[in-house]
Structures are given as structure tokens and as C-alpha cells.
Amino acid sequence: MNNDVSRLHLKRIEPMALSLSSVLVGLASCLLAGIILAAPNRLQAGSPATIEVGAFSTAAPGGPWPDGWKPLTFPKIAQHTTYSLVRDGDHIAVKAASQASSSGYTKELLIDPKEYPIIQWQWKVSNILKAGNVAKKEGDDYPARIYVTFQYDSAKVSLFGKAKYEAAKLIYGQYPPLGALNYIWESRAAVGTAVPNPYTEQVHMVVVESGAAKLNTWMTEERNVYDDYKRA
């Protein structure tokens, strides 16, 4: 499978006690062209109220990823997805080659999501996964997903929750996220569907696109991370 993504951006709002801690991309049959975080009504790249999270469109085909991005692999999965930067028309995009494999790329950052709540990205999916089903564990497989994670804050969890986070830190060397949003291209669920991940309620799934009608077409997506997190 092949996937492409070309650009990701964020926008800006007022401070609050919640921190966005990372953005992760996981692709199977998709191109990704960029990611931006921004303040409301400030989506122009390069604006003081805009943060270029994944400026893939400024990279060179076949070259290295933009600064700060690191591969993420899973110990129990032997086959890893291969990612590369390619040219697709006017876009320089991340392309994934996946054959019964899984891995991603992640970038750590610390941002107030009330100040920069808007996330925007461009992607083009070439194939949907018919087995994908946001409601079932065995269906937790999609051609493209964008994860946004939120930093652990001990003030926001119970005593039992704190014990679980401390145990996880002993095993992994750091606290897991307080929660995460997972923006996906689903096979059949309606666009706008928002449900807990079937494996964990700490991850909230949001269907941004669905089905095959828009395959092989560059789509620009925009979500309000702060509002999505509050609804979750």
C-alpha cells in the first residue's frame, strides 16, 4: 500500500492547564503533505500565530525528514512501514510503503492547545482497508491516521490512575500521554463519528474522511484539537 501526506499546521487561542505533547503520523496507503498548528483565523504558513509541525513540502524528495521527527516502532511488530519523501505533482509528501507492517513517525512538542487549537493537514489516500472498523479491536487499521497526544498531568488523574502512570514510567522510562486524539480515514463509518478507541478510552477516534469516494485526491483537513479533546 502507498500513502502520502504533504503539510501539517497549528493555529492560536488563551493559555490553559493542558499541554499538547506530540504529533504522530501512521500511514499505510496515503501521502501526507504537511501539518500546521495555528491560532484561529491564522492558517497562513509562516505567520507568528502558526507553527509548522511537519513542513514536508519544503523538504527534498529522497532527503531527510524535517527537524524533530523520529521513527516510532513497536517491539511486538517485526515488519516496519517504510517512509520516504517523494514528489507528487506540486507536493513534496511523505509516502508510506506497507506490507502487513506497522510503524510511524512522531514529533515531540509542548504547546497549549487552547492557544493553538487548530490543526490542518493535507493527505491523499490511494486505498481503503475494508477490514477497518472504528468500533472493533480487529478493525483498528486504517490507511492513514494523525495522532495528537496530551502530556500527563498528575492533577488530572485519580490516586489509582497515578499508580498506573508511575508503573508505566518504570517500564518505559517516561509517562504515557494523558490522552490522545486519533484522526482517521475510515472505511465505512460516517464522517464526524467520534468514539473511544476499542483498546483504550484514553484514545479518542475521530473520523475525518470515510470510504472510497475521495481516493487519489488531495484533501485538506482542519480540526479544532481543543474542542475535540473537550468533547472526548
C-alpha atoms as a PDB file:
ATOM      1  CA  MET A   1       0.000   0.000   0.000  1.00  0.00           C
ATOM      2  CA  ASN A   2       1.133   3.565  -0.631  1.00  0.00           C
ATOM      3  CA  ASN A   3       0.125   6.712   1.308  1.00  0.00           C
ATOM      4  CA  ASP A   4       1.112  10.386   1.012  1.00  0.00           C
ATOM      5  CA  VAL A   5       0.983  13.450   3.302  1.00  0.00           C
ATOM      6  CA  SER A   6       2.362  16.903   2.448  1.00  0.00           C
ATOM      7  CA  ARG A   7       1.675  19.557   5.096  1.00  0.00           C
ATOM      8  CA  LEU A   8       0.598  19.944   8.760  1.00  0.00           C
ATOM      9  CA  HIS A   9      -0.136  23.268  10.595  1.00  0.00           C
ATOM     10  CA  LEU A  10      -1.421  24.579  14.015  1.00  0.00           C
ATOM     11  CA  LYS A  11      -3.373  27.891  14.902  1.00  0.00           C
ATOM     12  CA  ARG A  12      -3.547  30.051  18.097  1.00  0.00           C
ATOM     13  CA  ILE A  13      -6.112  30.967  21.219  1.00  0.00           C
ATOM     14  CA  GLU A  14      -5.625  31.607  25.521  1.00  0.00           C
ATOM     15  CA  PRO A  15      -3.489  29.535  27.873  1.00  0.00           C
ATOM     16  CA  MET A  16      -4.856  26.664  29.942  1.00  0.00           C
ATOM     17  CA  ALA A  17      -3.623  23.742  32.029  1.00  0.00           C
ATOM     18  CA  LEU A  18      -3.424  21.213  29.205  1.00  0.00           C
ATOM     19  CA  SER A  19      -0.370  20.582  27.038  1.00  0.00           C
ATOM     20  CA  LEU A  20      -0.234  19.035  23.599  1.00  0.00           C
ATOM     21  CA  SER A  21       2.908  16.893  23.757  1.00  0.00           C
ATOM     22  CA  SER A  22       3.362  15.228  20.352  1.00  0.00           C
ATOM     23  CA  VAL A  23       2.049  14.675  16.855  1.00  0.00           C
ATOM     24  CA  LEU A  24       2.377  11.218  15.289  1.00  0.00           C
ATOM     25  CA  VAL A  25       1.647  10.080  11.744  1.00  0.00           C
ATOM     26  CA  GLY A  26       0.863   6.484  10.849  1.00  0.00           C
ATOM     27  CA  LEU A  27       0.311   5.736   7.164  1.00  0.00           C
ATOM     28  CA  ALA A  28      -0.379   2.656   5.080  1.00  0.00           C
ATOM     29  CA  SER A  29      -1.835   3.743   1.724  1.00  0.00           C
ATOM     30  CA  CYS A  30      -1.601   7.509   1.954  1.00  0.00           C
ATOM     31  CA  LEU A  31       0.547  10.521   1.045  1.00  0.00           C
ATOM     32  CA  LEU A  32       0.916  13.276   3.688  1.00  0.00           C
ATOM     33  CA  ALA A  33       1.945  16.762   2.577  1.00  0.00           C
ATOM     34  CA  GLY A  34       2.216  18.781   5.804  1.00  0.00           C
ATOM     35  CA  ILE A  35       0.918  19.608   9.285  1.00  0.00           C
ATOM     36  CA  ILE A  36       0.275  23.057  10.817  1.00  0.00           C
ATOM     37  CA  LEU A  37      -0.890  24.150  14.286  1.00  0.00           C
ATOM     38  CA  ALA A  38      -2.374  27.621  14.414  1.00  0.00           C
ATOM     39  CA  ALA A  39      -4.407  30.246  16.239  1.00  0.00           C
ATOM     40  CA  PRO A  40      -7.936  30.813  14.926  1.00  0.00           C
ATOM     41  CA  ASN A  41      -8.027  32.530  11.529  1.00  0.00           C
ATOM     42  CA  ARG A  42      -4.221  32.391  11.228  1.00  0.00           C
ATOM     43  CA  LEU A  43      -3.556  29.429   8.964  1.00  0.00           C
ATOM     44  CA  GLN A  44      -1.056  31.131   6.675  1.00  0.00           C
ATOM     45  CA  ALA A  45       2.269  29.279   6.884  1.00  0.00           C
ATOM     46  CA  GLY A  46       4.952  31.482   8.399  1.00  0.00           C
ATOM     47  CA  SER A  47       2.505  33.594  10.409  1.00  0.00           C
ATOM     48  CA  PRO A  48       3.601  34.307  14.040  1.00  0.00           C
ATOM     49  CA  ALA A  49       0.391  32.568  15.082  1.00  0.00           C
ATOM     50  CA  THR A  50       1.229  29.455  13.037  1.00  0.00           C
ATOM     51  CA  ILE A  51       3.543  26.554  13.937  1.00  0.00           C
ATOM     52  CA  GLU A  52       4.818  24.366  11.113  1.00  0.00           C
ATOM     53  CA  VAL A  53       4.791  20.914  12.698  1.00  0.00           C
ATOM     54  CA  GLY A  54       5.528  18.995   9.528  1.00  0.00           C
ATOM     55  CA  ALA A  55       6.907  21.203   6.762  1.00  0.00           C
ATOM     56  CA  PHE A  56       7.287  18.238   4.429  1.00  0.00           C
ATOM     57  CA  SER A  57       6.532  20.393   1.375  1.00  0.00           C
ATOM     58  CA  THR A  58       9.805  22.304   1.918  1.00  0.00           C
ATOM     59  CA  ALA A  59      11.914  19.119   2.067  1.00  0.00           C
ATOM     60  CA  ALA A  60      13.754  17.481  -0.828  1.00  0.00           C
ATOM     61  CA  PRO A  61      12.484  14.267  -2.448  1.00  0.00           C
ATOM     62  CA  GLY A  62      14.548  11.381  -1.149  1.00  0.00           C
ATOM     63  CA  GLY A  63      16.038  13.626   1.534  1.00  0.00           C
ATOM     64  CA  PRO A  64      15.781  13.625   5.341  1.00  0.00           C
ATOM     65  CA  TRP A  65      12.647  14.447   7.293  1.00  0.00           C
ATOM     66  CA  PRO A  66      12.254  17.982   8.697  1.00  0.00           C
ATOM     67  CA  ASP A  67      13.919  18.594  12.063  1.00  0.00           C
ATOM     68  CA  GLY A  68      12.461  16.932  15.128  1.00  0.00           C
ATOM     69  CA  TRP A  69      10.716  13.954  13.507  1.00  0.00           C
ATOM     70  CA  LYS A  70      11.719  10.494  14.726  1.00  0.00           C
ATOM     71  CA  PRO A  71      10.664   6.969  13.713  1.00  0.00           C
ATOM     72  CA  LEU A  72       8.357   5.115  16.080  1.00  0.00           C
ATOM     73  CA  THR A  73       8.365   1.320  16.033  1.00  0.00           C
ATOM     74  CA  PHE A  74       6.531  -1.279  18.112  1.00  0.00           C
ATOM     75  CA  PRO A  75       8.501  -4.107  19.802  1.00  0.00           C
ATOM     76  CA  LYS A  76       5.967  -6.841  19.005  1.00  0.00           C
ATOM     77  CA  ILE A  77       5.711  -5.939  15.303  1.00  0.00           C
ATOM     78  CA  ALA A  78       8.583  -7.317  13.234  1.00  0.00           C
ATOM     79  CA  GLN A  79       7.739  -5.616   9.917  1.00  0.00           C
ATOM     80  CA  HIS A  80       8.012  -1.825   9.818  1.00  0.00           C
ATOM     81  CA  THR A  81       6.412   0.515   7.322  1.00  0.00           C
ATOM     82  CA  THR A  82       8.923   2.264   5.052  1.00  0.00           C
ATOM     83  CA  TYR A  83       8.590   6.059   4.816  1.00  0.00           C
ATOM     84  CA  SER A  84      10.167   8.347   2.226  1.00  0.00           C
ATOM     85  CA  LEU A  85       9.834  11.878   0.857  1.00  0.00           C
ATOM     86  CA  VAL A  86       8.565  11.951  -2.727  1.00  0.00           C
ATOM     87  CA  ARG A  87       7.240  14.436  -5.278  1.00  0.00           C
ATOM     88  CA  ASP A  88       3.554  14.149  -6.174  1.00  0.00           C
ATOM     89  CA  GLY A  89       2.600  16.858  -8.675  1.00  0.00           C
ATOM     90  CA  ASP A  90       3.057  20.171  -6.862  1.00  0.00           C
ATOM     91  CA  HIS A  91       3.525  18.474  -3.477  1.00  0.00           C
ATOM     92  CA  ILE A  92       6.550  17.094  -1.664  1.00  0.00           C
ATOM     93  CA  ALA A  93       4.975  14.461   0.524  1.00  0.00           C
ATOM     94  CA  VAL A  94       5.632  11.608   2.923  1.00  0.00           C
ATOM     95  CA  LYS A  95       4.945   8.282   1.235  1.00  0.00           C
ATOM     96  CA  ALA A  96       4.467   5.034   3.119  1.00  0.00           C
ATOM     97  CA  ALA A  97       5.060   1.527   1.783  1.00  0.00           C
ATOM     98  CA  SER A  98       3.297  -1.022   3.993  1.00  0.00           C
ATOM     99  CA  GLN A  99       3.087  -4.805   3.576  1.00  0.00           C
ATOM    100  CA  ALA A 100       1.499  -6.331   6.706  1.00  0.00           C
ATOM    101  CA  SER A 101       3.623  -3.863   8.655  1.00  0.00           C
ATOM    102  CA  SER A 102       3.209  -1.017  11.113  1.00  0.00           C
ATOM    103  CA  SER A 103       5.256   1.932  12.369  1.00  0.00           C
ATOM    104  CA  GLY A 104       5.035   5.697  12.421  1.00  0.00           C
ATOM    105  CA  TYR A 105       6.884   8.962  12.741  1.00  0.00           C
ATOM    106  CA  THR A 106       6.475  11.274  15.709  1.00  0.00           C
ATOM    107  CA  LYS A 107       7.483  14.793  16.702  1.00  0.00           C
ATOM    108  CA  GLU A 108       7.569  15.950  20.321  1.00  0.00           C
ATOM    109  CA  LEU A 109       6.451  19.490  21.098  1.00  0.00           C
ATOM    110  CA  LEU A 110       4.914  21.320  24.056  1.00  0.00           C
ATOM    111  CA  ILE A 111       2.053  23.593  23.031  1.00  0.00           C
ATOM    112  CA  ASP A 112      -1.002  24.995  24.804  1.00  0.00           C
ATOM    113  CA  PRO A 113      -3.890  23.636  22.702  1.00  0.00           C
ATOM    114  CA  LYS A 114      -6.153  26.466  23.823  1.00  0.00           C
ATOM    115  CA  GLU A 115      -3.675  28.939  22.356  1.00  0.00           C
ATOM    116  CA  TYR A 116      -3.005  26.879  19.198  1.00  0.00           C
ATOM    117  CA  PRO A 117      -6.123  24.730  18.799  1.00  0.00           C
ATOM    118  CA  ILE A 118      -6.381  24.384  15.032  1.00  0.00           C
ATOM    119  CA  ILE A 119      -4.612  21.549  13.270  1.00  0.00           C
ATOM    120  CA  GLN A 120      -4.547  21.418   9.490  1.00  0.00           C
ATOM    121  CA  TRP A 121      -3.005  18.863   7.165  1.00  0.00           C
ATOM    122  CA  GLN A 122      -3.166  17.597   3.589  1.00  0.00           C
ATOM    123  CA  TRP A 123      -3.320  13.934   2.640  1.00  0.00           C
ATOM    124  CA  LYS A 124      -4.132  11.712  -0.328  1.00  0.00           C
ATOM    125  CA  VAL A 125      -5.264   8.125   0.228  1.00  0.00           C
ATOM    126  CA  SER A 126      -4.949   5.543  -2.541  1.00  0.00           C
ATOM    127  CA  ASN A 127      -6.755   2.608  -0.950  1.00  0.00           C
ATOM    128  CA  ILE A 128      -9.115   1.999   1.951  1.00  0.00           C
ATOM    129  CA  LEU A 129      -8.810  -1.025   4.231  1.00  0.00           C
ATOM    130  CA  LYS A 130     -12.075  -2.934   4.026  1.00  0.00           C
ATOM    131  CA  ALA A 131     -11.488  -4.569   7.407  1.00  0.00           C
ATOM    132  CA  GLY A 132     -11.246  -1.167   9.098  1.00  0.00           C
ATOM    133  CA  ASN A 133     -13.968  -0.637  11.693  1.00  0.00           C
ATOM    134  CA  VAL A 134     -13.669   2.084  14.317  1.00  0.00           C
ATOM    135  CA  ALA A 135     -15.969   0.168  16.671  1.00  0.00           C
ATOM    136  CA  LYS A 136     -13.966  -3.084  16.838  1.00  0.00           C
ATOM    137  CA  LYS A 137     -10.476  -4.082  18.006  1.00  0.00           C
ATOM    138  CA  GLU A 138      -9.891  -6.191  14.906  1.00  0.00           C
ATOM    139  CA  GLY A 139     -10.895  -3.200  12.771  1.00  0.00           C
ATOM    140  CA  ASP A 140      -8.363  -0.779  14.256  1.00  0.00           C
ATOM    141  CA  ASP A 141      -6.489  -0.474  10.959  1.00  0.00           C
ATOM    142  CA  TYR A 142      -6.677   2.492   8.582  1.00  0.00           C
ATOM    143  CA  PRO A 143      -4.850   3.786   5.503  1.00  0.00           C
ATOM    144  CA  ALA A 144      -3.911   6.971   7.383  1.00  0.00           C
ATOM    145  CA  ARG A 145      -4.075   8.391  10.876  1.00  0.00           C
ATOM    146  CA  ILE A 146      -2.835  11.506  12.650  1.00  0.00           C
ATOM    147  CA  TYR A 147      -2.317  11.187  16.411  1.00  0.00           C
ATOM    148  CA  VAL A 148      -2.244  14.194  18.734  1.00  0.00           C
ATOM    149  CA  THR A 149      -1.180  13.334  22.300  1.00  0.00           C
ATOM    150  CA  PHE A 150      -1.538  15.313  25.517  1.00  0.00           C
ATOM    151  CA  GLN A 151       1.053  15.499  28.307  1.00  0.00           C
ATOM    152  CA  TYR A 152       0.466  13.584  31.550  1.00  0.00           C
ATOM    153  CA  ASP A 153      -0.617  15.802  34.458  1.00  0.00           C
ATOM    154  CA  SER A 154      -0.894  14.148  37.887  1.00  0.00           C
ATOM    155  CA  ALA A 155      -3.512  16.718  38.952  1.00  0.00           C
ATOM    156  CA  LYS A 156      -5.905  15.323  36.353  1.00  0.00           C
ATOM    157  CA  VAL A 157      -5.920  11.657  37.432  1.00  0.00           C
ATOM    158  CA  SER A 158      -7.106   9.668  40.459  1.00  0.00           C
ATOM    159  CA  LEU A 159      -4.794   8.029  43.008  1.00  0.00           C
ATOM    160  CA  PHE A 160      -5.295   4.721  41.202  1.00  0.00           C
ATOM    161  CA  GLY A 161      -4.533   6.442  37.911  1.00  0.00           C
ATOM    162  CA  LYS A 162      -1.325   7.931  39.330  1.00  0.00           C
ATOM    163  CA  ALA A 163      -0.174   4.467  40.382  1.00  0.00           C
ATOM    164  CA  LYS A 164      -0.730   3.163  36.834  1.00  0.00           C
ATOM    165  CA  TYR A 165       1.216   6.070  35.336  1.00  0.00           C
ATOM    166  CA  GLU A 166       4.095   5.559  37.783  1.00  0.00           C
ATOM    167  CA  ALA A 167       4.202   1.847  36.908  1.00  0.00           C
ATOM    168  CA  ALA A 168       4.256   2.686  33.196  1.00  0.00           C
ATOM    169  CA  LYS A 169       7.120   5.120  33.759  1.00  0.00           C
ATOM    170  CA  LEU A 170       9.161   2.392  35.466  1.00  0.00           C
ATOM    171  CA  ILE A 171       8.685   0.143  32.428  1.00  0.00           C
ATOM    172  CA  TYR A 172       9.036   2.658  29.592  1.00  0.00           C
ATOM    173  CA  GLY A 173      11.190   5.371  31.173  1.00  0.00           C
ATOM    174  CA  GLN A 174       8.593   8.109  30.737  1.00  0.00           C
ATOM    175  CA  TYR A 175       4.946   8.809  31.457  1.00  0.00           C
ATOM    176  CA  PRO A 176       2.466   7.791  28.763  1.00  0.00           C
ATOM    177  CA  PRO A 177       0.199  10.560  27.438  1.00  0.00           C
ATOM    178  CA  LEU A 178      -2.756  11.781  29.477  1.00  0.00           C
ATOM    179  CA  GLY A 179      -4.863  11.125  26.399  1.00  0.00           C
ATOM    180  CA  ALA A 180      -4.800  11.229  22.625  1.00  0.00           C
ATOM    181  CA  LEU A 181      -6.898  12.146  19.621  1.00  0.00           C
ATOM    182  CA  ASN A 182      -6.652   9.915  16.562  1.00  0.00           C
ATOM    183  CA  TYR A 183      -7.832  11.473  13.284  1.00  0.00           C
ATOM    184  CA  ILE A 184      -8.521   8.728  10.750  1.00  0.00           C
ATOM    185  CA  TRP A 185      -9.689   7.910   7.219  1.00  0.00           C
ATOM    186  CA  GLU A 186     -12.204   5.112   7.898  1.00  0.00           C
ATOM    187  CA  SER A 187     -13.789   2.551   5.573  1.00  0.00           C
ATOM    188  CA  ARG A 188     -17.485   2.891   6.389  1.00  0.00           C
ATOM    189  CA  ALA A 189     -18.228   4.994   9.497  1.00  0.00           C
ATOM    190  CA  ALA A 190     -19.827   8.396   8.907  1.00  0.00           C
ATOM    191  CA  VAL A 191     -17.573  11.443   8.760  1.00  0.00           C
ATOM    192  CA  GLY A 192     -17.715  13.147  12.153  1.00  0.00           C
ATOM    193  CA  THR A 193     -18.038   9.893  14.109  1.00  0.00           C
ATOM    194  CA  ALA A 194     -16.145  10.291  17.397  1.00  0.00           C
ATOM    195  CA  VAL A 195     -15.776   7.288  19.707  1.00  0.00           C
ATOM    196  CA  PRO A 196     -13.284   5.824  22.213  1.00  0.00           C
ATOM    197  CA  ASN A 197     -10.662   3.522  20.760  1.00  0.00           C
ATOM    198  CA  PRO A 198     -11.763  -0.112  21.282  1.00  0.00           C
ATOM    199  CA  TYR A 199      -8.466  -0.861  23.064  1.00  0.00           C
ATOM    200  CA  THR A 200      -8.377   2.123  25.438  1.00  0.00           C
ATOM    201  CA  GLU A 201     -10.620   5.016  26.415  1.00  0.00           C
ATOM    202  CA  GLN A 202      -7.500   7.189  26.687  1.00  0.00           C
ATOM    203  CA  VAL A 203      -7.518   7.451  22.887  1.00  0.00           C
ATOM    204  CA  HIS A 204     -10.474   9.086  21.125  1.00  0.00           C
ATOM    205  CA  MET A 205     -11.079   8.249  17.462  1.00  0.00           C
ATOM    206  CA  VAL A 206     -12.372  10.954  15.099  1.00  0.00           C
ATOM    207  CA  VAL A 207     -13.432  10.017  11.553  1.00  0.00           C
ATOM    208  CA  VAL A 208     -12.294  12.818   9.231  1.00  0.00           C
ATOM    209  CA  GLU A 209     -12.846  11.025   5.909  1.00  0.00           C
ATOM    210  CA  SER A 210     -14.585   7.766   5.073  1.00  0.00           C
ATOM    211  CA  GLY A 211     -14.992   5.412   2.136  1.00  0.00           C
ATOM    212  CA  ALA A 212     -13.565   5.384  -1.362  1.00  0.00           C
ATOM    213  CA  ALA A 213     -15.265   8.397  -2.979  1.00  0.00           C
ATOM    214  CA  LYS A 214     -12.278  10.726  -2.468  1.00  0.00           C
ATOM    215  CA  LEU A 215      -9.450   8.266  -3.117  1.00  0.00           C
ATOM    216  CA  ASN A 216      -6.441   9.581  -5.071  1.00  0.00           C
ATOM    217  CA  THR A 217      -7.477  13.187  -4.376  1.00  0.00           C
ATOM    218  CA  TRP A 218      -5.518  15.646  -2.242  1.00  0.00           C
ATOM    219  CA  MET A 219      -7.738  16.596   0.709  1.00  0.00           C
ATOM    220  CA  THR A 220      -7.110  19.480   3.117  1.00  0.00           C
ATOM    221  CA  GLU A 221      -8.379  18.715   6.629  1.00  0.00           C
ATOM    222  CA  GLU A 222      -8.862  21.039   9.584  1.00  0.00           C
ATOM    223  CA  ARG A 223      -9.882  20.240  13.168  1.00  0.00           C
ATOM    224  CA  ASN A 224     -10.059  22.120  16.447  1.00  0.00           C
ATOM    225  CA  VAL A 225      -7.912  19.972  18.755  1.00  0.00           C
ATOM    226  CA  TYR A 226      -9.042  21.794  21.901  1.00  0.00           C
ATOM    227  CA  ASP A 227     -12.759  21.326  21.129  1.00  0.00           C
ATOM    228  CA  ASP A 228     -12.247  17.685  20.113  1.00  0.00           C
ATOM    229  CA  TYR A 229     -10.387  16.991  23.378  1.00  0.00           C
ATOM    230  CA  LYS A 230     -13.149  18.613  25.467  1.00  0.00           C
ATOM    231  CA  ARG A 231     -15.804  16.532  23.691  1.00  0.00           C
ATOM    232  CA  ALA A 232     -13.803  13.366  24.298  1.00  0.00           C
END
